[in-house]
C-alpha cells in the first residue's frame, strides 16, 4: 500500500461506519487496485449457508471461476434453487447436500460422505449463520447459535482435514470462516459460550459465537502445516441480507442505504479462496483484503484463549465424530 492508501484505510477503520459499510470496499478497491484471484479449474469447494445473501454471492463468484461447488443447507428446495443459480453463473457443477448444521450427527454424516465424494478438497467456507431472538436447541439439546456457528464448523473442519490435505498441491487448501463485526462487542468465553434459556439474548449468543470462530481460526492455524492448509477468518462488513433485515430490522432501516451488497460482503472470502496472497499467511482476521485488529474495545482482550475454545469444541464434538456411520 502507498502512504496515501494506508492513511485513508486507517481513517476508514477508525470511523467504523466508513469501514464496515459499502464505503469501505468502494474506496479500498480503488486505492489498492484490487484484482481477481486465480481460476479454480474444477477444484472442489464446500460452502455452508449458500442459499441467500453472502453465501449465495460467494458460491456464484467461485462458480464463475470454475469451481465445483458443494452447497450445504437444511432446506432442500432452497439449496437446489441456489445450486441452479450457481450453475447459471458458470460453475461446472454445483452439488446439493441437505444437512441441518444444528444436528451435529447429521453434520458428521455429511462430512464423511463429502470426504469420500470429493477426494481432494480445495476450500471449506463456513458461512452459515443464525441470529434468533428466542432460545432454541438442536436435536441433541445444544443451543442452536452455538451449534451452527461453533460446533458444526469445528466438526466439519476436523472431519474434512484429510480431504483438505490430500494429494500433492502447488498451493495450500483454505478454510475460511465468515465471522461478523458483532464479535467486537464480546470477549472470548468458554463458560458463557452456550447461553441458557433463562435470560437468553440472541445478539449476545451470536456475538460470542462469532468471537469463538476467530479463536478457532487461530487454534486450527497453529495445528496445521501451512504448506498443506491455511485458516482465515473474515469480517464481511455490514451487508444487506435477508438475515440482517429479519434479525435487526431497526438497524437495517437506519443504515440501509449504506449497507454493502452481498457481492461486496463476499469479496474478501472469495479472494481468500482464490488468491496466492492468502496462501502466504494463516490464522489471520480480514476485512476488505487486509489483516485487521480483533478488538475495538479494550475489555474484550481478556478472555478465553484459542486453545481453551478449541479444547471445548473437541470435547463436545468427540462423540459425534466417533459415532458417525
C-alpha atoms as a PDB file:
ATOM      1  CA  UNK A   1       0.000   0.000   0.000  1.00  0.00           C
ATOM      2  CA  UNK A   2       1.127   3.545  -0.683  1.00  0.00           C
ATOM      3  CA  UNK A   3       1.385   6.074   2.138  1.00  0.00           C
ATOM      4  CA  UNK A   4      -1.870   7.656   0.953  1.00  0.00           C
ATOM      5  CA  UNK A   5      -3.658   4.315   0.769  1.00  0.00           C
ATOM      6  CA  UNK A   6      -2.511   3.389   4.287  1.00  0.00           C
ATOM      7  CA  UNK A   7      -3.659   6.732   5.656  1.00  0.00           C
ATOM      8  CA  UNK A   8      -7.088   6.514   4.008  1.00  0.00           C
ATOM      9  CA  UNK A   9      -7.516   2.899   5.075  1.00  0.00           C
ATOM     10  CA  UNK A  10      -6.660   3.762   8.689  1.00  0.00           C
ATOM     11  CA  UNK A  11      -9.077   6.690   8.649  1.00  0.00           C
ATOM     12  CA  UNK A  12     -11.876   4.465   7.366  1.00  0.00           C
ATOM     13  CA  UNK A  13     -11.125   1.844  10.025  1.00  0.00           C
ATOM     14  CA  UNK A  14     -11.185   4.468  12.782  1.00  0.00           C
ATOM     15  CA  UNK A  15     -14.666   5.648  11.809  1.00  0.00           C
ATOM     16  CA  UNK A  16     -16.135   2.104  11.863  1.00  0.00           C
ATOM     17  CA  UNK A  17     -19.102   3.240   9.747  1.00  0.00           C
ATOM     18  CA  UNK A  18     -16.818   4.181   6.874  1.00  0.00           C
ATOM     19  CA  UNK A  19     -15.029   0.853   7.168  1.00  0.00           C
ATOM     20  CA  UNK A  20     -17.955  -1.527   7.647  1.00  0.00           C
ATOM     21  CA  UNK A  21     -20.397  -0.032   5.107  1.00  0.00           C
ATOM     22  CA  UNK A  22     -20.176  -0.055   1.306  1.00  0.00           C
ATOM     23  CA  UNK A  23     -17.867   2.963   1.508  1.00  0.00           C
ATOM     24  CA  UNK A  24     -15.045   0.655   2.624  1.00  0.00           C
ATOM     25  CA  UNK A  25     -14.787  -1.587  -0.448  1.00  0.00           C
ATOM     26  CA  UNK A  26     -15.623   1.245  -2.847  1.00  0.00           C
ATOM     27  CA  UNK A  27     -12.652   3.290  -1.624  1.00  0.00           C
ATOM     28  CA  UNK A  28     -10.216   0.489  -0.834  1.00  0.00           C
ATOM     29  CA  UNK A  29     -10.704  -1.352  -4.115  1.00  0.00           C
ATOM     30  CA  UNK A  30      -9.590   1.759  -5.980  1.00  0.00           C
ATOM     31  CA  UNK A  31      -6.700   2.626  -3.669  1.00  0.00           C
ATOM     32  CA  UNK A  32      -5.330  -0.928  -3.672  1.00  0.00           C
ATOM     33  CA  UNK A  33      -6.198  -1.729  -7.309  1.00  0.00           C
ATOM     34  CA  UNK A  34      -7.993  -4.949  -6.426  1.00  0.00           C
ATOM     35  CA  UNK A  35      -7.600  -7.794  -8.893  1.00  0.00           C
ATOM     36  CA  UNK A  36      -9.379 -11.118  -9.114  1.00  0.00           C
ATOM     37  CA  UNK A  37      -7.754 -14.257  -7.767  1.00  0.00           C
ATOM     38  CA  UNK A  38      -6.866 -17.187  -9.965  1.00  0.00           C
ATOM     39  CA  UNK A  39      -9.312 -19.618 -11.530  1.00  0.00           C
ATOM     40  CA  UNK A  40     -10.376 -22.747  -9.678  1.00  0.00           C
ATOM     41  CA  UNK A  41     -10.306 -25.072 -12.715  1.00  0.00           C
ATOM     42  CA  UNK A  42     -12.663 -27.740 -11.410  1.00  0.00           C
ATOM     43  CA  UNK A  43     -11.368 -27.796  -7.835  1.00  0.00           C
ATOM     44  CA  UNK A  44     -13.884 -28.665  -5.121  1.00  0.00           C
ATOM     45  CA  UNK A  45     -15.135 -26.030  -2.683  1.00  0.00           C
ATOM     46  CA  UNK A  46     -17.639 -26.527   0.155  1.00  0.00           C
ATOM     47  CA  UNK A  47     -19.794 -23.556   1.176  1.00  0.00           C
ATOM     48  CA  UNK A  48     -22.300 -23.636   4.030  1.00  0.00           C
ATOM     49  CA  UNK A  49     -25.222 -21.222   4.170  1.00  0.00           C
ATOM     50  CA  UNK A  50     -25.234 -20.629   0.422  1.00  0.00           C
ATOM     51  CA  UNK A  51     -28.970 -20.217  -0.147  1.00  0.00           C
ATOM     52  CA  UNK A  52     -29.037 -16.409   0.030  1.00  0.00           C
ATOM     53  CA  UNK A  53     -27.063 -13.291   0.887  1.00  0.00           C
ATOM     54  CA  UNK A  54     -23.294 -13.531   1.266  1.00  0.00           C
ATOM     55  CA  UNK A  55     -23.171 -17.303   0.838  1.00  0.00           C
ATOM     56  CA  UNK A  56     -25.052 -17.309  -2.469  1.00  0.00           C
ATOM     57  CA  UNK A  57     -22.988 -14.409  -3.824  1.00  0.00           C
ATOM     58  CA  UNK A  58     -19.804 -16.187  -2.761  1.00  0.00           C
ATOM     59  CA  UNK A  59     -20.809 -19.514  -4.322  1.00  0.00           C
ATOM     60  CA  UNK A  60     -21.765 -17.805  -7.583  1.00  0.00           C
ATOM     61  CA  UNK A  61     -18.437 -15.942  -7.647  1.00  0.00           C
ATOM     62  CA  UNK A  62     -16.448 -19.134  -7.076  1.00  0.00           C
ATOM     63  CA  UNK A  63     -18.578 -20.904  -9.669  1.00  0.00           C
ATOM     64  CA  UNK A  64     -17.720 -18.257 -12.254  1.00  0.00           C
ATOM     65  CA  UNK A  65     -14.061 -19.029 -11.542  1.00  0.00           C
ATOM     66  CA  UNK A  66     -14.581 -22.676 -12.454  1.00  0.00           C
ATOM     67  CA  UNK A  67     -15.023 -24.210  -9.029  1.00  0.00           C
ATOM     68  CA  UNK A  68     -17.116 -27.315  -8.354  1.00  0.00           C
ATOM     69  CA  UNK A  69     -19.351 -26.101  -5.534  1.00  0.00           C
ATOM     70  CA  UNK A  70     -20.775 -28.254  -2.750  1.00  0.00           C
ATOM     71  CA  UNK A  71     -23.612 -26.347  -1.110  1.00  0.00           C
ATOM     72  CA  UNK A  72     -24.766 -27.316   2.375  1.00  0.00           C
ATOM     73  CA  UNK A  73     -28.156 -26.237   3.706  1.00  0.00           C
ATOM     74  CA  UNK A  74     -31.095 -27.584   5.671  1.00  0.00           C
ATOM     75  CA  UNK A  75     -33.871 -26.724   3.184  1.00  0.00           C
ATOM     76  CA  UNK A  76     -33.522 -28.951   0.129  1.00  0.00           C
ATOM     77  CA  UNK A  77     -35.648 -26.744  -2.102  1.00  0.00           C
ATOM     78  CA  UNK A  78     -33.695 -23.585  -1.272  1.00  0.00           C
ATOM     79  CA  UNK A  79     -30.345 -25.318  -1.699  1.00  0.00           C
ATOM     80  CA  UNK A  80     -31.394 -26.690  -5.084  1.00  0.00           C
ATOM     81  CA  UNK A  81     -32.516 -23.233  -6.236  1.00  0.00           C
ATOM     82  CA  UNK A  82     -29.176 -21.824  -5.104  1.00  0.00           C
ATOM     83  CA  UNK A  83     -27.365 -24.579  -6.991  1.00  0.00           C
ATOM     84  CA  UNK A  84     -29.264 -23.665 -10.157  1.00  0.00           C
ATOM     85  CA  UNK A  85     -28.120 -20.055  -9.812  1.00  0.00           C
ATOM     86  CA  UNK A  86     -24.525 -21.136  -9.220  1.00  0.00           C
ATOM     87  CA  UNK A  87     -24.605 -23.352 -12.311  1.00  0.00           C
ATOM     88  CA  UNK A  88     -26.094 -20.466 -14.301  1.00  0.00           C
ATOM     89  CA  UNK A  89     -23.182 -18.288 -13.121  1.00  0.00           C
ATOM     90  CA  UNK A  90     -20.789 -20.691 -14.830  1.00  0.00           C
ATOM     91  CA  UNK A  91     -19.897 -23.368 -12.304  1.00  0.00           C
ATOM     92  CA  UNK A  92     -19.030 -26.698 -13.948  1.00  0.00           C
ATOM     93  CA  UNK A  93     -21.154 -28.283 -11.226  1.00  0.00           C
ATOM     94  CA  UNK A  94     -22.994 -27.359  -8.032  1.00  0.00           C
ATOM     95  CA  UNK A  95     -23.788 -30.288  -5.753  1.00  0.00           C
ATOM     96  CA  UNK A  96     -26.579 -30.143  -3.184  1.00  0.00           C
ATOM     97  CA  UNK A  97     -26.081 -31.534   0.335  1.00  0.00           C
ATOM     98  CA  UNK A  98     -29.114 -31.272   2.594  1.00  0.00           C
ATOM     99  CA  UNK A  99     -27.964 -31.070   6.210  1.00  0.00           C
ATOM    100  CA  UNK A 100     -29.121 -29.140   9.265  1.00  0.00           C
ATOM    101  CA  UNK A 101     -26.000 -27.720  10.908  1.00  0.00           C
ATOM    102  CA  UNK A 102     -27.805 -27.672  14.255  1.00  0.00           C
ATOM    103  CA  UNK A 103     -27.907 -31.500  14.062  1.00  0.00           C
ATOM    104  CA  UNK A 104     -24.321 -32.489  14.806  1.00  0.00           C
ATOM    105  CA  UNK A 105     -24.838 -36.164  13.987  1.00  0.00           C
ATOM    106  CA  UNK A 106     -26.103 -35.082  10.558  1.00  0.00           C
ATOM    107  CA  UNK A 107     -23.065 -32.824  10.192  1.00  0.00           C
ATOM    108  CA  UNK A 108     -20.738 -35.751  10.930  1.00  0.00           C
ATOM    109  CA  UNK A 109     -22.506 -37.943   8.358  1.00  0.00           C
ATOM    110  CA  UNK A 110     -22.361 -35.196   5.730  1.00  0.00           C
ATOM    111  CA  UNK A 111     -18.655 -34.630   6.349  1.00  0.00           C
ATOM    112  CA  UNK A 112     -17.935 -38.336   5.973  1.00  0.00           C
ATOM    113  CA  UNK A 113     -19.873 -38.506   2.709  1.00  0.00           C
ATOM    114  CA  UNK A 114     -18.190 -35.368   1.384  1.00  0.00           C
ATOM    115  CA  UNK A 115     -14.743 -36.676   2.244  1.00  0.00           C
ATOM    116  CA  UNK A 116     -15.375 -39.833   0.214  1.00  0.00           C
ATOM    117  CA  UNK A 117     -17.042 -37.963  -2.640  1.00  0.00           C
ATOM    118  CA  UNK A 118     -14.593 -35.166  -3.380  1.00  0.00           C
ATOM    119  CA  UNK A 119     -11.241 -36.835  -2.898  1.00  0.00           C
ATOM    120  CA  UNK A 120      -9.200 -33.625  -2.747  1.00  0.00           C
ATOM    121  CA  UNK A 121     -10.893 -30.523  -1.358  1.00  0.00           C
ATOM    122  CA  UNK A 122      -9.521 -27.082  -2.203  1.00  0.00           C
ATOM    123  CA  UNK A 123     -11.537 -24.980   0.231  1.00  0.00           C
ATOM    124  CA  UNK A 124     -14.088 -25.142   3.025  1.00  0.00           C
ATOM    125  CA  UNK A 125     -16.038 -21.944   3.699  1.00  0.00           C
ATOM    126  CA  UNK A 126     -18.017 -21.676   6.928  1.00  0.00           C
ATOM    127  CA  UNK A 127     -20.663 -19.086   6.112  1.00  0.00           C
ATOM    128  CA  UNK A 128     -23.909 -20.458   7.615  1.00  0.00           C
ATOM    129  CA  UNK A 129     -25.357 -18.335  10.398  1.00  0.00           C
ATOM    130  CA  UNK A 130     -28.398 -17.700  12.503  1.00  0.00           C
ATOM    131  CA  UNK A 131     -29.434 -14.922  14.854  1.00  0.00           C
ATOM    132  CA  UNK A 132     -32.550 -15.790  16.824  1.00  0.00           C
ATOM    133  CA  UNK A 133     -34.285 -13.703  19.458  1.00  0.00           C
ATOM    134  CA  UNK A 134     -35.687 -16.843  21.078  1.00  0.00           C
ATOM    135  CA  UNK A 135     -33.811 -19.666  22.769  1.00  0.00           C
ATOM    136  CA  UNK A 136     -33.798 -22.861  20.710  1.00  0.00           C
ATOM    137  CA  UNK A 137     -31.887 -26.129  20.659  1.00  0.00           C
ATOM    138  CA  UNK A 138     -30.874 -28.674  18.073  1.00  0.00           C
ATOM    139  CA  UNK A 139     -31.842 -32.355  18.157  1.00  0.00           C
ATOM    140  CA  UNK A 140     -29.239 -33.161  20.826  1.00  0.00           C
ATOM    141  CA  UNK A 141     -30.167 -30.226  23.077  1.00  0.00           C
ATOM    142  CA  UNK A 142     -27.299 -27.916  22.078  1.00  0.00           C
ATOM    143  CA  UNK A 143     -28.256 -24.243  21.839  1.00  0.00           C
ATOM    144  CA  UNK A 144     -28.675 -23.520  18.132  1.00  0.00           C
ATOM    145  CA  UNK A 145     -26.396 -20.490  17.801  1.00  0.00           C
ATOM    146  CA  UNK A 146     -23.505 -22.342  19.421  1.00  0.00           C
ATOM    147  CA  UNK A 147     -24.167 -25.461  17.353  1.00  0.00           C
ATOM    148  CA  UNK A 148     -24.425 -23.731  13.951  1.00  0.00           C
ATOM    149  CA  UNK A 149     -21.627 -21.181  14.365  1.00  0.00           C
ATOM    150  CA  UNK A 150     -19.098 -23.014  16.513  1.00  0.00           C
ATOM    151  CA  UNK A 151     -19.531 -26.767  16.920  1.00  0.00           C
ATOM    152  CA  UNK A 152     -20.668 -27.596  13.379  1.00  0.00           C
ATOM    153  CA  UNK A 153     -17.776 -25.679  11.745  1.00  0.00           C
ATOM    154  CA  UNK A 154     -15.324 -27.330  14.144  1.00  0.00           C
ATOM    155  CA  UNK A 155     -16.691 -30.770  13.317  1.00  0.00           C
ATOM    156  CA  UNK A 156     -16.699 -30.138   9.558  1.00  0.00           C
ATOM    157  CA  UNK A 157     -13.127 -28.842   9.665  1.00  0.00           C
ATOM    158  CA  UNK A 158     -11.934 -31.761  11.768  1.00  0.00           C
ATOM    159  CA  UNK A 159     -13.542 -34.435   9.599  1.00  0.00           C
ATOM    160  CA  UNK A 160     -12.652 -32.812   6.275  1.00  0.00           C
ATOM    161  CA  UNK A 161      -8.991 -32.165   7.084  1.00  0.00           C
ATOM    162  CA  UNK A 162      -7.926 -35.410   5.342  1.00  0.00           C
ATOM    163  CA  UNK A 163      -9.618 -34.225   2.134  1.00  0.00           C
ATOM    164  CA  UNK A 164      -8.132 -30.755   2.524  1.00  0.00           C
ATOM    165  CA  UNK A 165      -4.591 -32.108   2.962  1.00  0.00           C
ATOM    166  CA  UNK A 166      -4.830 -34.997   0.475  1.00  0.00           C
ATOM    167  CA  UNK A 167      -2.777 -35.078  -2.707  1.00  0.00           C
ATOM    168  CA  UNK A 168       0.194 -33.132  -3.999  1.00  0.00           C
ATOM    169  CA  UNK A 169      -0.552 -29.422  -4.209  1.00  0.00           C
ATOM    170  CA  UNK A 170       1.113 -26.345  -5.620  1.00  0.00           C
ATOM    171  CA  UNK A 171      -0.895 -24.173  -3.216  1.00  0.00           C
ATOM    172  CA  UNK A 172      -2.387 -24.967   0.203  1.00  0.00           C
ATOM    173  CA  UNK A 173      -6.061 -25.662   0.736  1.00  0.00           C
ATOM    174  CA  UNK A 174      -8.050 -22.977   2.550  1.00  0.00           C
ATOM    175  CA  UNK A 175     -10.509 -22.960   5.427  1.00  0.00           C
ATOM    176  CA  UNK A 176     -12.326 -19.605   5.522  1.00  0.00           C
ATOM    177  CA  UNK A 177     -14.740 -18.661   8.287  1.00  0.00           C
ATOM    178  CA  UNK A 178     -17.161 -15.765   7.812  1.00  0.00           C
ATOM    179  CA  UNK A 179     -17.340 -14.057  11.203  1.00  0.00           C
ATOM    180  CA  UNK A 180     -19.006 -10.710  11.964  1.00  0.00           C
ATOM    181  CA  UNK A 181     -18.347  -7.262  13.358  1.00  0.00           C
ATOM    182  CA  UNK A 182     -20.723  -8.289  16.126  1.00  0.00           C
ATOM    183  CA  UNK A 183     -17.825 -10.124  17.740  1.00  0.00           C
ATOM    184  CA  UNK A 184     -16.247  -6.806  18.693  1.00  0.00           C
ATOM    185  CA  UNK A 185     -18.862  -6.395  21.442  1.00  0.00           C
ATOM    186  CA  UNK A 186     -17.916  -9.587  23.326  1.00  0.00           C
ATOM    187  CA  UNK A 187     -14.794 -11.168  24.788  1.00  0.00           C
ATOM    188  CA  UNK A 188     -13.895 -14.791  24.178  1.00  0.00           C
ATOM    189  CA  UNK A 189     -15.533 -17.185  26.626  1.00  0.00           C
ATOM    190  CA  UNK A 190     -15.862 -20.896  27.256  1.00  0.00           C
ATOM    191  CA  UNK A 191     -18.287 -20.964  30.177  1.00  0.00           C
ATOM    192  CA  UNK A 192     -20.566 -18.361  28.614  1.00  0.00           C
ATOM    193  CA  UNK A 193     -20.430 -19.553  25.016  1.00  0.00           C
ATOM    194  CA  UNK A 194     -23.635 -21.591  25.136  1.00  0.00           C
ATOM    195  CA  UNK A 195     -26.275 -19.360  26.724  1.00  0.00           C
ATOM    196  CA  UNK A 196     -29.055 -20.883  28.856  1.00  0.00           C
ATOM    197  CA  UNK A 197     -32.763 -20.436  28.194  1.00  0.00           C
ATOM    198  CA  UNK A 198     -33.248 -18.162  31.224  1.00  0.00           C
ATOM    199  CA  UNK A 199     -32.340 -14.590  30.290  1.00  0.00           C
ATOM    200  CA  UNK A 200     -31.384 -15.609  26.761  1.00  0.00           C
ATOM    201  CA  UNK A 201     -30.225 -12.797  24.466  1.00  0.00           C
ATOM    202  CA  UNK A 202     -29.783 -13.811  20.870  1.00  0.00           C
ATOM    203  CA  UNK A 203     -27.490 -10.923  19.973  1.00  0.00           C
ATOM    204  CA  UNK A 204     -25.087 -11.852  22.774  1.00  0.00           C
ATOM    205  CA  UNK A 205     -25.125 -15.537  21.798  1.00  0.00           C
ATOM    206  CA  UNK A 206     -24.374 -14.529  18.210  1.00  0.00           C
ATOM    207  CA  UNK A 207     -21.532 -12.158  19.106  1.00  0.00           C
ATOM    208  CA  UNK A 208     -19.878 -14.688  21.418  1.00  0.00           C
ATOM    209  CA  UNK A 209     -20.130 -17.389  18.769  1.00  0.00           C
ATOM    210  CA  UNK A 210     -18.565 -15.091  16.182  1.00  0.00           C
ATOM    211  CA  UNK A 211     -15.708 -14.322  18.576  1.00  0.00           C
ATOM    212  CA  UNK A 212     -15.252 -18.065  19.120  1.00  0.00           C
ATOM    213  CA  UNK A 213     -14.984 -18.596  15.365  1.00  0.00           C
ATOM    214  CA  UNK A 214     -11.975 -16.290  15.201  1.00  0.00           C
ATOM    215  CA  UNK A 215     -10.369 -18.006  18.186  1.00  0.00           C
ATOM    216  CA  UNK A 216     -10.842 -21.366  16.477  1.00  0.00           C
ATOM    217  CA  UNK A 217      -9.189 -19.972  13.345  1.00  0.00           C
ATOM    218  CA  UNK A 218      -6.092 -19.211  15.405  1.00  0.00           C
ATOM    219  CA  UNK A 219      -6.146 -22.625  17.064  1.00  0.00           C
ATOM    220  CA  UNK A 220      -6.508 -24.533  13.791  1.00  0.00           C
ATOM    221  CA  UNK A 221      -3.756 -22.450  12.197  1.00  0.00           C
ATOM    222  CA  UNK A 222      -1.357 -23.494  14.963  1.00  0.00           C
ATOM    223  CA  UNK A 223      -2.196 -27.161  14.439  1.00  0.00           C
ATOM    224  CA  UNK A 224      -1.978 -27.345  10.643  1.00  0.00           C
ATOM    225  CA  UNK A 225       1.062 -27.210   8.396  1.00  0.00           C
ATOM    226  CA  UNK A 226       0.517 -24.011   6.342  1.00  0.00           C
ATOM    227  CA  UNK A 227       2.083 -25.737   3.352  1.00  0.00           C
ATOM    228  CA  UNK A 228      -0.973 -28.032   3.330  1.00  0.00           C
ATOM    229  CA  UNK A 229      -3.854 -25.907   4.599  1.00  0.00           C
ATOM    230  CA  UNK A 230      -4.266 -22.323   5.792  1.00  0.00           C
ATOM    231  CA  UNK A 231      -7.044 -20.968   8.008  1.00  0.00           C
ATOM    232  CA  UNK A 232      -8.514 -17.470   7.828  1.00  0.00           C
ATOM    233  CA  UNK A 233     -11.464 -15.600   9.325  1.00  0.00           C
ATOM    234  CA  UNK A 234     -13.162 -12.703   7.579  1.00  0.00           C
ATOM    235  CA  UNK A 235     -15.436  -9.864   8.633  1.00  0.00           C
ATOM    236  CA  UNK A 236     -17.735  -9.167   5.652  1.00  0.00           C
ATOM    237  CA  UNK A 237     -18.819  -5.721   6.846  1.00  0.00           C
ATOM    238  CA  UNK A 238     -22.432  -4.648   7.260  1.00  0.00           C
ATOM    239  CA  UNK A 239     -24.248  -6.411   4.429  1.00  0.00           C
ATOM    240  CA  UNK A 240     -27.806  -6.054   3.171  1.00  0.00           C
ATOM    241  CA  UNK A 241     -29.038  -9.633   3.570  1.00  0.00           C
ATOM    242  CA  UNK A 242     -32.435 -11.171   4.368  1.00  0.00           C
ATOM    243  CA  UNK A 243     -30.997 -12.407   7.657  1.00  0.00           C
ATOM    244  CA  UNK A 244     -29.970  -8.922   8.761  1.00  0.00           C
ATOM    245  CA  UNK A 245     -33.329  -7.435   7.798  1.00  0.00           C
ATOM    246  CA  UNK A 246     -35.158 -10.070   9.810  1.00  0.00           C
ATOM    247  CA  UNK A 247     -32.894 -10.165  12.869  1.00  0.00           C
ATOM    248  CA  UNK A 248     -32.143  -6.416  13.154  1.00  0.00           C
ATOM    249  CA  UNK A 249     -34.971  -4.520  11.395  1.00  0.00           C
ATOM    250  CA  UNK A 250     -34.282  -1.166  13.106  1.00  0.00           C
ATOM    251  CA  UNK A 251     -30.580  -1.254  12.246  1.00  0.00           C
ATOM    252  CA  UNK A 252     -31.442  -2.344   8.701  1.00  0.00           C
ATOM    253  CA  UNK A 253     -33.749   0.648   8.216  1.00  0.00           C
ATOM    254  CA  UNK A 254     -31.283   3.087   9.792  1.00  0.00           C
ATOM    255  CA  UNK A 255     -28.176   2.059   7.839  1.00  0.00           C
ATOM    256  CA  UNK A 256     -29.942   0.617   4.779  1.00  0.00           C
ATOM    257  CA  UNK A 257     -28.600   2.946   2.056  1.00  0.00           C
ATOM    258  CA  UNK A 258     -25.024   2.380   3.253  1.00  0.00           C
ATOM    259  CA  UNK A 259     -25.154  -1.401   3.630  1.00  0.00           C
ATOM    260  CA  UNK A 260     -22.871  -3.457   1.425  1.00  0.00           C
ATOM    261  CA  UNK A 261     -24.262  -5.613  -1.330  1.00  0.00           C
ATOM    262  CA  UNK A 262     -23.925  -9.386  -0.812  1.00  0.00           C
ATOM    263  CA  UNK A 263     -21.242  -9.410  -3.518  1.00  0.00           C
ATOM    264  CA  UNK A 264     -19.232  -6.779  -1.639  1.00  0.00           C
ATOM    265  CA  UNK A 265     -19.645  -8.766   1.567  1.00  0.00           C
ATOM    266  CA  UNK A 266     -18.468 -11.943  -0.168  1.00  0.00           C
ATOM    267  CA  UNK A 267     -15.485 -10.381  -1.937  1.00  0.00           C
ATOM    268  CA  UNK A 268     -12.772 -10.970   0.663  1.00  0.00           C
ATOM    269  CA  UNK A 269     -13.886 -14.551   1.347  1.00  0.00           C
ATOM    270  CA  UNK A 270     -13.744 -15.303  -2.394  1.00  0.00           C
ATOM    271  CA  UNK A 271     -10.337 -13.644  -2.598  1.00  0.00           C
ATOM    272  CA  UNK A 272      -9.067 -15.756   0.316  1.00  0.00           C
ATOM    273  CA  UNK A 273     -10.189 -18.898  -1.518  1.00  0.00           C
ATOM    274  CA  UNK A 274      -8.533 -17.950  -4.814  1.00  0.00           C
ATOM    275  CA  UNK A 275      -5.599 -15.593  -4.238  1.00  0.00           C
ATOM    276  CA  UNK A 276      -1.954 -16.544  -3.879  1.00  0.00           C
ATOM    277  CA  UNK A 277      -1.537 -13.889  -1.177  1.00  0.00           C
ATOM    278  CA  UNK A 278      -3.957 -15.707   1.132  1.00  0.00           C
ATOM    279  CA  UNK A 279      -1.739 -18.789   0.861  1.00  0.00           C
ATOM    280  CA  UNK A 280       1.235 -16.915   2.297  1.00  0.00           C
ATOM    281  CA  UNK A 281      -0.228 -16.485   5.779  1.00  0.00           C
ATOM    282  CA  UNK A 282      -2.511 -18.332   8.159  1.00  0.00           C
ATOM    283  CA  UNK A 283      -4.569 -17.566  11.258  1.00  0.00           C
ATOM    284  CA  UNK A 284      -5.440 -14.008  10.172  1.00  0.00           C
ATOM    285  CA  UNK A 285      -8.601 -11.914  10.522  1.00  0.00           C
ATOM    286  CA  UNK A 286      -9.517  -9.942   7.385  1.00  0.00           C
ATOM    287  CA  UNK A 287     -11.739  -7.128   6.179  1.00  0.00           C
ATOM    288  CA  UNK A 288     -11.509  -5.794   2.641  1.00  0.00           C
ATOM    289  CA  UNK A 289      -8.448  -7.895   1.785  1.00  0.00           C
ATOM    290  CA  UNK A 290      -6.387  -6.590   4.712  1.00  0.00           C
ATOM    291  CA  UNK A 291      -5.428  -8.021   8.088  1.00  0.00           C
ATOM    292  CA  UNK A 292      -7.461  -6.317  10.805  1.00  0.00           C
ATOM    293  CA  UNK A 293      -7.310  -5.944  14.555  1.00  0.00           C
ATOM    294  CA  UNK A 294      -9.666  -8.132  16.558  1.00  0.00           C
ATOM    295  CA  UNK A 295     -10.513  -5.727  19.388  1.00  0.00           C
ATOM    296  CA  UNK A 296     -12.190  -2.329  19.254  1.00  0.00           C
ATOM    297  CA  UNK A 297     -12.958  -2.376  22.991  1.00  0.00           C
ATOM    298  CA  UNK A 298     -10.106  -2.848  25.459  1.00  0.00           C
ATOM    299  CA  UNK A 299     -12.039  -5.090  27.852  1.00  0.00           C
ATOM    300  CA  UNK A 300     -12.607  -7.730  25.161  1.00  0.00           C
ATOM    301  CA  UNK A 301      -8.880  -8.505  25.061  1.00  0.00           C
ATOM    302  CA  UNK A 302      -9.080 -10.537  28.250  1.00  0.00           C
ATOM    303  CA  UNK A 303     -10.941 -13.763  27.594  1.00  0.00           C
ATOM    304  CA  UNK A 304     -10.624 -17.466  26.874  1.00  0.00           C
ATOM    305  CA  UNK A 305      -7.611 -18.473  24.793  1.00  0.00           C
ATOM    306  CA  UNK A 306      -7.876 -20.057  21.343  1.00  0.00           C
ATOM    307  CA  UNK A 307      -6.675 -23.299  22.912  1.00  0.00           C
ATOM    308  CA  UNK A 308      -9.446 -23.278  25.507  1.00  0.00           C
ATOM    309  CA  UNK A 309     -12.117 -22.750  22.844  1.00  0.00           C
ATOM    310  CA  UNK A 310     -10.597 -25.474  20.639  1.00  0.00           C
ATOM    311  CA  UNK A 311     -10.490 -27.958  23.524  1.00  0.00           C
ATOM    312  CA  UNK A 312     -14.112 -27.227  24.414  1.00  0.00           C
ATOM    313  CA  UNK A 313     -15.148 -27.969  20.834  1.00  0.00           C
ATOM    314  CA  UNK A 314     -13.020 -31.097  20.692  1.00  0.00           C
ATOM    315  CA  UNK A 315     -14.639 -32.440  23.849  1.00  0.00           C
ATOM    316  CA  UNK A 316     -18.162 -31.523  22.732  1.00  0.00           C
ATOM    317  CA  UNK A 317     -17.715 -32.960  19.230  1.00  0.00           C
ATOM    318  CA  UNK A 318     -15.845 -36.161  20.036  1.00  0.00           C
ATOM    319  CA  UNK A 319     -18.973 -38.291  20.370  1.00  0.00           C
ATOM    320  CA  UNK A 320     -20.390 -37.141  17.031  1.00  0.00           C
ATOM    321  CA  UNK A 321     -17.159 -37.853  15.176  1.00  0.00           C
ATOM    322  CA  UNK A 322     -16.738 -41.285  16.748  1.00  0.00           C
ATOM    323  CA  UNK A 323     -20.323 -42.448  16.212  1.00  0.00           C
ATOM    324  CA  UNK A 324     -20.846 -41.334  12.611  1.00  0.00           C
ATOM    325  CA  UNK A 325     -21.905 -44.181  10.290  1.00  0.00           C
END
